[in-house]
């Protein structure tokens, strides 16, 4: 019995000693103390002095800052703007045609919100009138057209955008209806015509990616460009972008620029020349695991409305404001307009 008592007492003593050691490690200045802020308490020490007759070039300061010993901080506070982040995948976007049995579709880089305005530009360039454009379902339907011009047949197209298998990619599916009523078929009436349209759209998107680095700033013979920031800081003629472009082209270019600049288009209405947008500033977005997992950062999105006003057939002006009444700060407006201007082509 006495042996058991002595053994138990010994184990209790060891455990007590272990807890004391651990508490010293985690508390006060133990070996697990967070030393991440120690540099803030560091002080400038005197240079190391060697005994007489001993010299070493390796101890010299190779990066002396002139005047650092007598430096005095400037009065006042200053805010240094961070540089714009490098655009992801600039010049490396791919456009591919995927085929399965008698069906084909387009696979390309960019989510459907980015591809949507580019498809609208294509339809405008191709002369295909839009009958319906539903941003929620990402479906664009064209008007009936007479491809041969003899009235013998008519056709229309439906383009459906959806997210690709990989993140940050999109698929474009084409449905062709020839003659018939207003009810869309389950599959194209002509696989050959579908394949032709897929190739045309893919070629256009690929060409636009290649030519994307040519800005409208360089397309004018006098070298002055076609886009400017002008206007005052407030009032009806507040700071804005002025584009010397045909109105239709200005509208299409604006849609592409907004998407490339990081805005998410909630709605667009050509009849009133307005885009409704949300935007998350990449400088302020610090998404940790919680934000990425639960989407918490969307609570911090800013919401804007961009209006394009027409001033003749060859000039348009672009104004940016908050969606609901709040006054947009001059510095914020200037920053966002410069960002949009950098992506206008």
C-alpha atoms as a PDB file:
ATOM      1  CA  UNK A   1       0.000   0.000   0.000  1.00  0.00           C
ATOM      2  CA  UNK A   2       2.786   2.337   0.911  1.00  0.00           C
ATOM      3  CA  UNK A   3       4.506   1.572  -2.414  1.00  0.00           C
ATOM      4  CA  UNK A   4       1.337   2.518  -4.316  1.00  0.00           C
ATOM      5  CA  UNK A   5       1.030   5.750  -2.338  1.00  0.00           C
ATOM      6  CA  UNK A   6       4.654   6.680  -3.063  1.00  0.00           C
ATOM      7  CA  UNK A   7       4.255   5.902  -6.804  1.00  0.00           C
ATOM      8  CA  UNK A   8       1.051   7.937  -7.083  1.00  0.00           C
ATOM      9  CA  UNK A   9       2.592  10.827  -5.210  1.00  0.00           C
ATOM     10  CA  UNK A  10       5.602  10.740  -7.550  1.00  0.00           C
ATOM     11  CA  UNK A  11       3.356  10.829 -10.667  1.00  0.00           C
ATOM     12  CA  UNK A  12       1.360  13.756  -9.270  1.00  0.00           C
ATOM     13  CA  UNK A  13       4.588  15.614  -8.576  1.00  0.00           C
ATOM     14  CA  UNK A  14       5.807  15.023 -12.174  1.00  0.00           C
ATOM     15  CA  UNK A  15       2.458  16.147 -13.627  1.00  0.00           C
ATOM     16  CA  UNK A  16       2.485  19.276 -11.476  1.00  0.00           C
ATOM     17  CA  UNK A  17       6.014  20.055 -12.601  1.00  0.00           C
ATOM     18  CA  UNK A  18       5.031  19.488 -16.283  1.00  0.00           C
ATOM     19  CA  UNK A  19       2.075  21.851 -16.022  1.00  0.00           C
ATOM     20  CA  UNK A  20       4.279  24.482 -14.442  1.00  0.00           C
ATOM     21  CA  UNK A  21       6.786  24.191 -17.302  1.00  0.00           C
ATOM     22  CA  UNK A  22       4.032  24.367 -19.968  1.00  0.00           C
ATOM     23  CA  UNK A  23       2.429  27.400 -18.360  1.00  0.00           C
ATOM     24  CA  UNK A  24       5.821  29.082 -18.491  1.00  0.00           C
ATOM     25  CA  UNK A  25       6.135  28.205 -22.197  1.00  0.00           C
ATOM     26  CA  UNK A  26       2.777  29.630 -23.223  1.00  0.00           C
ATOM     27  CA  UNK A  27       2.607  32.620 -20.904  1.00  0.00           C
ATOM     28  CA  UNK A  28       4.754  35.680 -20.365  1.00  0.00           C
ATOM     29  CA  UNK A  29       7.973  35.453 -22.411  1.00  0.00           C
ATOM     30  CA  UNK A  30       8.014  31.662 -22.805  1.00  0.00           C
ATOM     31  CA  UNK A  31       9.428  29.955 -25.839  1.00  0.00           C
ATOM     32  CA  UNK A  32       6.058  30.017 -27.660  1.00  0.00           C
ATOM     33  CA  UNK A  33       5.553  33.796 -27.309  1.00  0.00           C
ATOM     34  CA  UNK A  34       4.535  35.549 -30.517  1.00  0.00           C
ATOM     35  CA  UNK A  35       7.603  37.488 -31.668  1.00  0.00           C
ATOM     36  CA  UNK A  36       6.029  38.782 -34.885  1.00  0.00           C
ATOM     37  CA  UNK A  37       5.930  42.389 -33.609  1.00  0.00           C
ATOM     38  CA  UNK A  38       9.403  42.501 -32.047  1.00  0.00           C
ATOM     39  CA  UNK A  39      10.763  44.498 -34.971  1.00  0.00           C
ATOM     40  CA  UNK A  40       8.638  47.452 -33.862  1.00  0.00           C
ATOM     41  CA  UNK A  41      10.735  47.770 -30.700  1.00  0.00           C
ATOM     42  CA  UNK A  42      14.064  47.481 -32.497  1.00  0.00           C
ATOM     43  CA  UNK A  43      16.456  50.410 -32.113  1.00  0.00           C
ATOM     44  CA  UNK A  44      19.293  51.657 -34.292  1.00  0.00           C
ATOM     45  CA  UNK A  45      22.528  50.522 -32.673  1.00  0.00           C
ATOM     46  CA  UNK A  46      26.034  51.912 -33.129  1.00  0.00           C
ATOM     47  CA  UNK A  47      28.234  50.359 -35.836  1.00  0.00           C
ATOM     48  CA  UNK A  48      30.416  47.461 -34.765  1.00  0.00           C
ATOM     49  CA  UNK A  49      33.923  48.630 -33.801  1.00  0.00           C
ATOM     50  CA  UNK A  50      36.871  46.325 -34.525  1.00  0.00           C
ATOM     51  CA  UNK A  51      40.107  46.271 -32.528  1.00  0.00           C
ATOM     52  CA  UNK A  52      42.906  48.524 -33.813  1.00  0.00           C
ATOM     53  CA  UNK A  53      44.703  47.141 -36.849  1.00  0.00           C
ATOM     54  CA  UNK A  54      41.838  44.916 -37.972  1.00  0.00           C
ATOM     55  CA  UNK A  55      39.842  45.812 -41.074  1.00  0.00           C
ATOM     56  CA  UNK A  56      37.019  43.977 -42.852  1.00  0.00           C
ATOM     57  CA  UNK A  57      35.132  45.212 -45.906  1.00  0.00           C
ATOM     58  CA  UNK A  58      32.420  42.626 -45.304  1.00  0.00           C
ATOM     59  CA  UNK A  59      31.196  44.639 -42.322  1.00  0.00           C
ATOM     60  CA  UNK A  60      30.669  47.826 -44.312  1.00  0.00           C
ATOM     61  CA  UNK A  61      27.122  49.013 -45.004  1.00  0.00           C
ATOM     62  CA  UNK A  62      26.702  48.551 -48.754  1.00  0.00           C
ATOM     63  CA  UNK A  63      23.349  50.336 -48.957  1.00  0.00           C
ATOM     64  CA  UNK A  64      23.773  53.620 -47.152  1.00  0.00           C
ATOM     65  CA  UNK A  65      20.750  55.931 -47.440  1.00  0.00           C
ATOM     66  CA  UNK A  66      22.006  59.538 -47.740  1.00  0.00           C
ATOM     67  CA  UNK A  67      20.782  61.790 -44.938  1.00  0.00           C
ATOM     68  CA  UNK A  68      19.079  59.013 -42.977  1.00  0.00           C
ATOM     69  CA  UNK A  69      20.733  60.033 -39.707  1.00  0.00           C
ATOM     70  CA  UNK A  70      19.284  63.568 -39.904  1.00  0.00           C
ATOM     71  CA  UNK A  71      15.974  62.643 -41.509  1.00  0.00           C
ATOM     72  CA  UNK A  72      12.854  64.345 -40.156  1.00  0.00           C
ATOM     73  CA  UNK A  73       9.307  63.197 -41.052  1.00  0.00           C
ATOM     74  CA  UNK A  74       7.330  65.614 -43.217  1.00  0.00           C
ATOM     75  CA  UNK A  75       4.324  67.246 -41.560  1.00  0.00           C
ATOM     76  CA  UNK A  76       0.801  66.124 -42.462  1.00  0.00           C
ATOM     77  CA  UNK A  77      -0.623  62.803 -43.646  1.00  0.00           C
ATOM     78  CA  UNK A  78      -0.387  61.289 -47.083  1.00  0.00           C
ATOM     79  CA  UNK A  79      -2.221  58.486 -48.890  1.00  0.00           C
ATOM     80  CA  UNK A  80      -0.228  56.569 -51.484  1.00  0.00           C
ATOM     81  CA  UNK A  81      -2.357  54.790 -54.086  1.00  0.00           C
ATOM     82  CA  UNK A  82      -1.530  51.160 -54.758  1.00  0.00           C
ATOM     83  CA  UNK A  83      -0.807  50.219 -58.378  1.00  0.00           C
ATOM     84  CA  UNK A  84      -3.565  48.497 -60.325  1.00  0.00           C
ATOM     85  CA  UNK A  85      -3.282  44.699 -60.148  1.00  0.00           C
ATOM     86  CA  UNK A  86      -2.073  42.955 -63.263  1.00  0.00           C
ATOM     87  CA  UNK A  87      -4.990  41.709 -65.321  1.00  0.00           C
ATOM     88  CA  UNK A  88      -5.234  37.930 -65.211  1.00  0.00           C
ATOM     89  CA  UNK A  89      -4.516  35.982 -68.399  1.00  0.00           C
ATOM     90  CA  UNK A  90      -3.945  39.056 -70.564  1.00  0.00           C
ATOM     91  CA  UNK A  91      -3.223  37.932 -74.104  1.00  0.00           C
ATOM     92  CA  UNK A  92      -3.434  34.222 -73.224  1.00  0.00           C
ATOM     93  CA  UNK A  93      -7.159  33.563 -73.598  1.00  0.00           C
ATOM     94  CA  UNK A  94      -8.122  30.499 -75.616  1.00  0.00           C
ATOM     95  CA  UNK A  95     -11.139  29.818 -77.792  1.00  0.00           C
ATOM     96  CA  UNK A  96     -11.837  26.187 -78.678  1.00  0.00           C
ATOM     97  CA  UNK A  97     -14.563  24.290 -80.526  1.00  0.00           C
ATOM     98  CA  UNK A  98     -15.699  21.152 -78.704  1.00  0.00           C
ATOM     99  CA  UNK A  99     -17.511  18.406 -80.642  1.00  0.00           C
ATOM    100  CA  UNK A 100     -19.576  15.443 -79.441  1.00  0.00           C
ATOM    101  CA  UNK A 101     -21.316  13.296 -82.079  1.00  0.00           C
ATOM    102  CA  UNK A 102     -23.290  15.772 -84.222  1.00  0.00           C
ATOM    103  CA  UNK A 103     -23.174  18.625 -81.676  1.00  0.00           C
ATOM    104  CA  UNK A 104     -20.549  21.319 -81.285  1.00  0.00           C
ATOM    105  CA  UNK A 105     -20.091  24.258 -78.961  1.00  0.00           C
ATOM    106  CA  UNK A 106     -17.495  26.893 -78.052  1.00  0.00           C
ATOM    107  CA  UNK A 107     -15.266  26.754 -74.961  1.00  0.00           C
ATOM    108  CA  UNK A 108     -13.358  29.885 -73.953  1.00  0.00           C
ATOM    109  CA  UNK A 109     -11.731  31.636 -71.019  1.00  0.00           C
ATOM    110  CA  UNK A 110     -13.871  34.034 -68.962  1.00  0.00           C
ATOM    111  CA  UNK A 111     -17.077  33.542 -67.006  1.00  0.00           C
ATOM    112  CA  UNK A 112     -20.488  34.104 -68.698  1.00  0.00           C
ATOM    113  CA  UNK A 113     -20.705  37.663 -67.332  1.00  0.00           C
ATOM    114  CA  UNK A 114     -17.548  38.502 -69.281  1.00  0.00           C
ATOM    115  CA  UNK A 115     -18.577  36.689 -72.454  1.00  0.00           C
ATOM    116  CA  UNK A 116     -22.125  38.129 -72.535  1.00  0.00           C
ATOM    117  CA  UNK A 117     -21.220  41.651 -73.804  1.00  0.00           C
ATOM    118  CA  UNK A 118     -18.794  40.191 -76.340  1.00  0.00           C
ATOM    119  CA  UNK A 119     -21.582  38.077 -77.817  1.00  0.00           C
ATOM    120  CA  UNK A 120     -23.786  41.148 -78.113  1.00  0.00           C
ATOM    121  CA  UNK A 121     -21.004  42.931 -79.964  1.00  0.00           C
ATOM    122  CA  UNK A 122     -20.685  39.975 -82.339  1.00  0.00           C
ATOM    123  CA  UNK A 123     -24.403  39.979 -83.130  1.00  0.00           C
ATOM    124  CA  UNK A 124     -24.275  43.701 -83.829  1.00  0.00           C
ATOM    125  CA  UNK A 125     -21.284  43.296 -86.149  1.00  0.00           C
ATOM    126  CA  UNK A 126     -22.902  40.318 -87.894  1.00  0.00           C
ATOM    127  CA  UNK A 127     -26.133  42.238 -88.528  1.00  0.00           C
ATOM    128  CA  UNK A 128     -28.247  39.803 -86.509  1.00  0.00           C
ATOM    129  CA  UNK A 129     -31.081  41.671 -84.793  1.00  0.00           C
ATOM    130  CA  UNK A 130     -31.766  40.626 -81.209  1.00  0.00           C
ATOM    131  CA  UNK A 131     -35.328  39.554 -80.437  1.00  0.00           C
ATOM    132  CA  UNK A 132     -34.707  38.656 -76.785  1.00  0.00           C
ATOM    133  CA  UNK A 133     -31.749  38.939 -74.390  1.00  0.00           C
ATOM    134  CA  UNK A 134     -32.246  37.458 -70.929  1.00  0.00           C
ATOM    135  CA  UNK A 135     -29.266  38.072 -68.679  1.00  0.00           C
ATOM    136  CA  UNK A 136     -30.585  35.825 -65.890  1.00  0.00           C
ATOM    137  CA  UNK A 137     -30.741  32.720 -68.078  1.00  0.00           C
ATOM    138  CA  UNK A 138     -27.836  33.922 -70.289  1.00  0.00           C
ATOM    139  CA  UNK A 139     -29.834  33.346 -73.494  1.00  0.00           C
ATOM    140  CA  UNK A 140     -29.861  35.585 -76.573  1.00  0.00           C
ATOM    141  CA  UNK A 141     -32.376  34.981 -79.372  1.00  0.00           C
ATOM    142  CA  UNK A 142     -32.236  36.626 -82.781  1.00  0.00           C
ATOM    143  CA  UNK A 143     -34.997  37.803 -85.076  1.00  0.00           C
ATOM    144  CA  UNK A 144     -36.061  35.738 -88.067  1.00  0.00           C
ATOM    145  CA  UNK A 145     -33.931  36.458 -91.141  1.00  0.00           C
ATOM    146  CA  UNK A 146     -33.945  35.505 -94.823  1.00  0.00           C
ATOM    147  CA  UNK A 147     -30.451  34.101 -95.493  1.00  0.00           C
ATOM    148  CA  UNK A 148     -30.827  33.878 -99.296  1.00  0.00           C
ATOM    149  CA  UNK A 149     -32.920  36.980 -99.807  1.00  0.00           C
ATOM    150  CA  UNK A 150     -35.471  35.171-101.964  1.00  0.00           C
ATOM    151  CA  UNK A 151     -38.124  34.549 -99.304  1.00  0.00           C
ATOM    152  CA  UNK A 152     -37.906  30.778 -99.771  1.00  0.00           C
ATOM    153  CA  UNK A 153     -36.754  30.112 -96.232  1.00  0.00           C
ATOM    154  CA  UNK A 154     -36.016  31.869 -92.970  1.00  0.00           C
ATOM    155  CA  UNK A 155     -33.859  31.128 -89.959  1.00  0.00           C
ATOM    156  CA  UNK A 156     -33.096  32.343 -86.460  1.00  0.00           C
ATOM    157  CA  UNK A 157     -30.514  31.521 -83.798  1.00  0.00           C
ATOM    158  CA  UNK A 158     -30.445  31.096 -80.047  1.00  0.00           C
ATOM    159  CA  UNK A 159     -27.151  31.455 -78.128  1.00  0.00           C
ATOM    160  CA  UNK A 160     -26.970  29.988 -74.627  1.00  0.00           C
ATOM    161  CA  UNK A 161     -24.057  30.795 -72.309  1.00  0.00           C
ATOM    162  CA  UNK A 162     -23.196  28.653 -69.326  1.00  0.00           C
ATOM    163  CA  UNK A 163     -20.241  28.082 -67.027  1.00  0.00           C
ATOM    164  CA  UNK A 164     -17.638  25.627 -68.248  1.00  0.00           C
ATOM    165  CA  UNK A 165     -16.396  22.609 -66.346  1.00  0.00           C
ATOM    166  CA  UNK A 166     -13.314  24.487 -65.155  1.00  0.00           C
ATOM    167  CA  UNK A 167     -13.634  27.637 -63.082  1.00  0.00           C
ATOM    168  CA  UNK A 168     -13.309  30.839 -65.099  1.00  0.00           C
ATOM    169  CA  UNK A 169     -14.432  29.310 -68.411  1.00  0.00           C
ATOM    170  CA  UNK A 170     -17.647  29.523 -70.429  1.00  0.00           C
ATOM    171  CA  UNK A 171     -19.459  27.479 -73.035  1.00  0.00           C
ATOM    172  CA  UNK A 172     -21.519  28.927 -75.889  1.00  0.00           C
ATOM    173  CA  UNK A 173     -24.201  26.648 -77.338  1.00  0.00           C
ATOM    174  CA  UNK A 174     -25.962  27.488 -80.602  1.00  0.00           C
ATOM    175  CA  UNK A 175     -29.473  26.386 -81.615  1.00  0.00           C
ATOM    176  CA  UNK A 176     -30.699  26.932 -85.182  1.00  0.00           C
ATOM    177  CA  UNK A 177     -34.341  26.981 -86.261  1.00  0.00           C
ATOM    178  CA  UNK A 178     -35.267  26.960 -89.950  1.00  0.00           C
ATOM    179  CA  UNK A 179     -38.799  27.956 -90.926  1.00  0.00           C
ATOM    180  CA  UNK A 180     -41.298  26.497 -88.434  1.00  0.00           C
ATOM    181  CA  UNK A 181     -43.342  28.370 -85.831  1.00  0.00           C
ATOM    182  CA  UNK A 182     -42.244  30.381 -82.791  1.00  0.00           C
ATOM    183  CA  UNK A 183     -41.566  27.244 -80.694  1.00  0.00           C
ATOM    184  CA  UNK A 184     -37.849  26.454 -80.452  1.00  0.00           C
ATOM    185  CA  UNK A 185     -36.885  22.857 -81.358  1.00  0.00           C
ATOM    186  CA  UNK A 186     -35.019  20.564 -78.945  1.00  0.00           C
ATOM    187  CA  UNK A 187     -32.040  20.378 -81.327  1.00  0.00           C
ATOM    188  CA  UNK A 188     -30.983  22.379 -84.378  1.00  0.00           C
ATOM    189  CA  UNK A 189     -32.937  21.871 -87.569  1.00  0.00           C
ATOM    190  CA  UNK A 190     -29.617  21.845 -89.431  1.00  0.00           C
ATOM    191  CA  UNK A 191     -26.443  20.502 -87.817  1.00  0.00           C
ATOM    192  CA  UNK A 192     -24.467  21.884 -90.762  1.00  0.00           C
ATOM    193  CA  UNK A 193     -25.820  25.406 -90.205  1.00  0.00           C
ATOM    194  CA  UNK A 194     -25.187  25.087 -86.470  1.00  0.00           C
ATOM    195  CA  UNK A 195     -21.589  24.047 -87.100  1.00  0.00           C
ATOM    196  CA  UNK A 196     -21.086  26.996 -89.472  1.00  0.00           C
ATOM    197  CA  UNK A 197     -22.347  29.477 -86.894  1.00  0.00           C
ATOM    198  CA  UNK A 198     -20.176  27.935 -84.169  1.00  0.00           C
ATOM    199  CA  UNK A 199     -17.080  28.364 -86.350  1.00  0.00           C
ATOM    200  CA  UNK A 200     -17.963  31.971 -87.206  1.00  0.00           C
ATOM    201  CA  UNK A 201     -18.513  32.949 -83.569  1.00  0.00           C
ATOM    202  CA  UNK A 202     -15.351  31.143 -82.414  1.00  0.00           C
ATOM    203  CA  UNK A 203     -13.255  32.829 -85.104  1.00  0.00           C
ATOM    204  CA  UNK A 204     -14.626  36.246 -84.183  1.00  0.00           C
ATOM    205  CA  UNK A 205     -13.925  35.770 -80.467  1.00  0.00           C
ATOM    206  CA  UNK A 206     -10.426  34.462 -81.172  1.00  0.00           C
ATOM    207  CA  UNK A 207      -9.659  37.409 -83.465  1.00  0.00           C
ATOM    208  CA  UNK A 208     -10.908  39.868 -80.862  1.00  0.00           C
ATOM    209  CA  UNK A 209      -8.588  38.327 -78.252  1.00  0.00           C
ATOM    210  CA  UNK A 210      -5.638  38.739 -80.611  1.00  0.00           C
ATOM    211  CA  UNK A 211      -6.522  42.319 -81.480  1.00  0.00           C
ATOM    212  CA  UNK A 212      -7.475  43.261 -77.927  1.00  0.00           C
ATOM    213  CA  UNK A 213      -4.193  45.041 -77.234  1.00  0.00           C
ATOM    214  CA  UNK A 214      -4.901  47.691 -79.886  1.00  0.00           C
ATOM    215  CA  UNK A 215      -6.602  50.522 -78.021  1.00  0.00           C
ATOM    216  CA  UNK A 216      -8.761  53.252 -79.501  1.00  0.00           C
ATOM    217  CA  UNK A 217      -6.139  55.621 -78.147  1.00  0.00           C
ATOM    218  CA  UNK A 218      -3.918  54.648 -81.087  1.00  0.00           C
ATOM    219  CA  UNK A 219      -6.508  54.538 -83.855  1.00  0.00           C
ATOM    220  CA  UNK A 220      -6.539  58.200 -84.701  1.00  0.00           C
ATOM    221  CA  UNK A 221      -4.181  59.728 -87.263  1.00  0.00           C
ATOM    222  CA  UNK A 222      -3.409  62.880 -85.245  1.00  0.00           C
ATOM    223  CA  UNK A 223      -2.222  60.783 -82.282  1.00  0.00           C
ATOM    224  CA  UNK A 224      -4.577  62.445 -79.786  1.00  0.00           C
ATOM    225  CA  UNK A 225      -6.727  59.403 -79.260  1.00  0.00           C
ATOM    226  CA  UNK A 226     -10.494  59.035 -79.070  1.00  0.00           C
ATOM    227  CA  UNK A 227     -11.098  58.919 -75.349  1.00  0.00           C
ATOM    228  CA  UNK A 228     -10.632  61.600 -72.692  1.00  0.00           C
ATOM    229  CA  UNK A 229     -11.421  62.329 -69.036  1.00  0.00           C
ATOM    230  CA  UNK A 230     -12.894  65.794 -68.667  1.00  0.00           C
ATOM    231  CA  UNK A 231     -15.459  67.861 -66.789  1.00  0.00           C
ATOM    232  CA  UNK A 232     -15.649  69.430 -63.352  1.00  0.00           C
ATOM    233  CA  UNK A 233     -15.760  67.868 -59.913  1.00  0.00           C
ATOM    234  CA  UNK A 234     -19.507  68.246 -59.371  1.00  0.00           C
ATOM    235  CA  UNK A 235     -22.754  69.426 -60.935  1.00  0.00           C
ATOM    236  CA  UNK A 236     -24.481  68.226 -64.110  1.00  0.00           C
ATOM    237  CA  UNK A 237     -21.187  68.252 -66.034  1.00  0.00           C
ATOM    238  CA  UNK A 238     -19.212  66.320 -63.430  1.00  0.00           C
ATOM    239  CA  UNK A 239     -16.119  64.302 -64.225  1.00  0.00           C
ATOM    240  CA  UNK A 240     -16.815  61.889 -67.106  1.00  0.00           C
ATOM    241  CA  UNK A 241     -15.324  60.020 -70.066  1.00  0.00           C
ATOM    242  CA  UNK A 242     -15.748  61.407 -73.575  1.00  0.00           C
ATOM    243  CA  UNK A 243     -15.530  58.967 -76.480  1.00  0.00           C
ATOM    244  CA  UNK A 244     -15.215  60.100 -80.082  1.00  0.00           C
ATOM    245  CA  UNK A 245     -16.707  56.942 -81.514  1.00  0.00           C
ATOM    246  CA  UNK A 246     -19.933  55.957 -83.269  1.00  0.00           C
ATOM    247  CA  UNK A 247     -22.600  55.564 -80.606  1.00  0.00           C
ATOM    248  CA  UNK A 248     -23.211  51.844 -81.184  1.00  0.00           C
ATOM    249  CA  UNK A 249     -19.521  51.089 -81.032  1.00  0.00           C
ATOM    250  CA  UNK A 250     -19.131  53.226 -77.903  1.00  0.00           C
ATOM    251  CA  UNK A 251     -21.916  51.278 -76.184  1.00  0.00           C
ATOM    252  CA  UNK A 252     -20.400  47.918 -77.113  1.00  0.00           C
ATOM    253  CA  UNK A 253     -16.888  49.019 -76.107  1.00  0.00           C
ATOM    254  CA  UNK A 254     -18.215  50.261 -72.764  1.00  0.00           C
ATOM    255  CA  UNK A 255     -19.805  46.900 -71.956  1.00  0.00           C
ATOM    256  CA  UNK A 256     -16.564  45.054 -72.660  1.00  0.00           C
ATOM    257  CA  UNK A 257     -14.517  47.559 -70.650  1.00  0.00           C
ATOM    258  CA  UNK A 258     -16.770  47.284 -67.596  1.00  0.00           C
ATOM    259  CA  UNK A 259     -16.431  43.510 -67.485  1.00  0.00           C
ATOM    260  CA  UNK A 260     -12.657  43.576 -68.022  1.00  0.00           C
ATOM    261  CA  UNK A 261     -12.284  46.269 -65.346  1.00  0.00           C
ATOM    262  CA  UNK A 262     -13.843  43.934 -62.763  1.00  0.00           C
ATOM    263  CA  UNK A 263     -17.438  45.186 -62.669  1.00  0.00           C
ATOM    264  CA  UNK A 264     -20.315  42.703 -62.537  1.00  0.00           C
ATOM    265  CA  UNK A 265     -23.198  43.766 -64.766  1.00  0.00           C
ATOM    266  CA  UNK A 266     -26.546  43.386 -62.993  1.00  0.00           C
ATOM    267  CA  UNK A 267     -28.588  44.800 -65.862  1.00  0.00           C
ATOM    268  CA  UNK A 268     -28.120  46.759 -69.073  1.00  0.00           C
ATOM    269  CA  UNK A 269     -30.712  48.648 -71.105  1.00  0.00           C
ATOM    270  CA  UNK A 270     -29.763  50.065 -74.462  1.00  0.00           C
ATOM    271  CA  UNK A 271     -33.004  52.034 -74.674  1.00  0.00           C
ATOM    272  CA  UNK A 272     -31.878  54.259 -71.783  1.00  0.00           C
ATOM    273  CA  UNK A 273     -28.118  53.734 -72.284  1.00  0.00           C
ATOM    274  CA  UNK A 274     -27.452  52.546 -68.730  1.00  0.00           C
ATOM    275  CA  UNK A 275     -25.543  49.761 -67.014  1.00  0.00           C
ATOM    276  CA  UNK A 276     -26.289  48.772 -63.394  1.00  0.00           C
ATOM    277  CA  UNK A 277     -23.143  47.369 -61.763  1.00  0.00           C
ATOM    278  CA  UNK A 278     -21.581  45.901 -58.654  1.00  0.00           C
ATOM    279  CA  UNK A 279     -17.881  46.190 -57.928  1.00  0.00           C
ATOM    280  CA  UNK A 280     -15.400  44.920 -55.331  1.00  0.00           C
ATOM    281  CA  UNK A 281     -12.209  46.977 -55.121  1.00  0.00           C
ATOM    282  CA  UNK A 282      -9.285  44.511 -55.507  1.00  0.00           C
ATOM    283  CA  UNK A 283      -7.189  46.702 -53.199  1.00  0.00           C
ATOM    284  CA  UNK A 284      -9.659  46.361 -50.324  1.00  0.00           C
ATOM    285  CA  UNK A 285     -10.663  42.736 -50.884  1.00  0.00           C
ATOM    286  CA  UNK A 286      -8.877  40.527 -48.377  1.00  0.00           C
ATOM    287  CA  UNK A 287     -10.836  37.285 -48.755  1.00  0.00           C
ATOM    288  CA  UNK A 288      -9.858  34.697 -46.169  1.00  0.00           C
ATOM    289  CA  UNK A 289     -11.158  31.172 -45.889  1.00  0.00           C
ATOM    290  CA  UNK A 290     -14.437  32.372 -44.344  1.00  0.00           C
ATOM    291  CA  UNK A 291     -15.123  34.871 -47.152  1.00  0.00           C
ATOM    292  CA  UNK A 292     -14.224  32.392 -49.874  1.00  0.00           C
ATOM    293  CA  UNK A 293     -16.339  29.651 -48.289  1.00  0.00           C
ATOM    294  CA  UNK A 294     -19.427  31.583 -47.260  1.00  0.00           C
ATOM    295  CA  UNK A 295     -19.357  34.526 -49.679  1.00  0.00           C
ATOM    296  CA  UNK A 296     -19.086  37.111 -46.905  1.00  0.00           C
ATOM    297  CA  UNK A 297     -17.266  39.622 -49.101  1.00  0.00           C
ATOM    298  CA  UNK A 298     -20.386  40.239 -51.198  1.00  0.00           C
ATOM    299  CA  UNK A 299     -21.737  42.356 -48.342  1.00  0.00           C
ATOM    300  CA  UNK A 300     -18.992  44.888 -49.125  1.00  0.00           C
ATOM    301  CA  UNK A 301     -19.743  45.296 -52.827  1.00  0.00           C
ATOM    302  CA  UNK A 302     -20.351  48.811 -54.103  1.00  0.00           C
ATOM    303  CA  UNK A 303     -23.212  49.378 -56.533  1.00  0.00           C
ATOM    304  CA  UNK A 304     -22.973  51.876 -59.363  1.00  0.00           C
ATOM    305  CA  UNK A 305     -24.908  53.031 -62.393  1.00  0.00           C
ATOM    306  CA  UNK A 306     -23.097  54.005 -65.591  1.00  0.00           C
ATOM    307  CA  UNK A 307     -24.929  56.193 -68.072  1.00  0.00           C
ATOM    308  CA  UNK A 308     -23.872  56.870 -71.647  1.00  0.00           C
ATOM    309  CA  UNK A 309     -25.184  60.133 -73.102  1.00  0.00           C
ATOM    310  CA  UNK A 310     -25.147  60.676 -76.837  1.00  0.00           C
ATOM    311  CA  UNK A 311     -23.764  63.917 -78.269  1.00  0.00           C
ATOM    312  CA  UNK A 312     -24.188  63.384 -81.988  1.00  0.00           C
ATOM    313  CA  UNK A 313     -23.507  60.234 -84.035  1.00  0.00           C
ATOM    314  CA  UNK A 314     -19.737  60.300 -83.362  1.00  0.00           C
ATOM    315  CA  UNK A 315     -19.515  61.260 -79.675  1.00  0.00           C
ATOM    316  CA  UNK A 316     -20.687  59.797 -76.387  1.00  0.00           C
ATOM    317  CA  UNK A 317     -20.052  60.694 -72.749  1.00  0.00           C
ATOM    318  CA  UNK A 318     -19.962  58.251 -69.862  1.00  0.00           C
ATOM    319  CA  UNK A 319     -21.023  59.211 -66.327  1.00  0.00           C
ATOM    320  CA  UNK A 320     -20.556  57.130 -63.167  1.00  0.00           C
ATOM    321  CA  UNK A 321     -22.575  57.421 -59.929  1.00  0.00           C
ATOM    322  CA  UNK A 322     -23.855  55.348 -57.047  1.00  0.00           C
ATOM    323  CA  UNK A 323     -27.147  53.574 -57.663  1.00  0.00           C
ATOM    324  CA  UNK A 324     -29.098  55.004 -54.734  1.00  0.00           C
ATOM    325  CA  UNK A 325     -28.686  58.647 -53.958  1.00  0.00           C
ATOM    326  CA  UNK A 326     -25.338  58.681 -52.147  1.00  0.00           C
ATOM    327  CA  UNK A 327     -22.825  61.155 -53.492  1.00  0.00           C
ATOM    328  CA  UNK A 328     -19.811  59.548 -55.127  1.00  0.00           C
ATOM    329  CA  UNK A 329     -16.551  60.991 -53.837  1.00  0.00           C
ATOM    330  CA  UNK A 330     -14.508  62.832 -56.457  1.00  0.00           C
ATOM    331  CA  UNK A 331     -11.388  60.747 -55.799  1.00  0.00           C
ATOM    332  CA  UNK A 332     -13.344  57.478 -56.143  1.00  0.00           C
ATOM    333  CA  UNK A 333     -15.019  58.628 -59.371  1.00  0.00           C
ATOM    334  CA  UNK A 334     -11.664  59.653 -60.849  1.00  0.00           C
ATOM    335  CA  UNK A 335     -10.086  56.321 -59.909  1.00  0.00           C
ATOM    336  CA  UNK A 336     -12.892  54.203 -61.392  1.00  0.00           C
ATOM    337  CA  UNK A 337     -13.141  56.265 -64.583  1.00  0.00           C
ATOM    338  CA  UNK A 338      -9.406  55.833 -65.127  1.00  0.00           C
ATOM    339  CA  UNK A 339      -9.807  52.093 -64.589  1.00  0.00           C
ATOM    340  CA  UNK A 340     -12.638  51.873 -67.132  1.00  0.00           C
ATOM    341  CA  UNK A 341     -10.695  53.998 -69.620  1.00  0.00           C
ATOM    342  CA  UNK A 342      -7.750  51.591 -69.398  1.00  0.00           C
ATOM    343  CA  UNK A 343      -9.925  48.775 -70.792  1.00  0.00           C
ATOM    344  CA  UNK A 344     -11.769  50.679 -73.532  1.00  0.00           C
ATOM    345  CA  UNK A 345     -10.872  49.354 -76.993  1.00  0.00           C
END
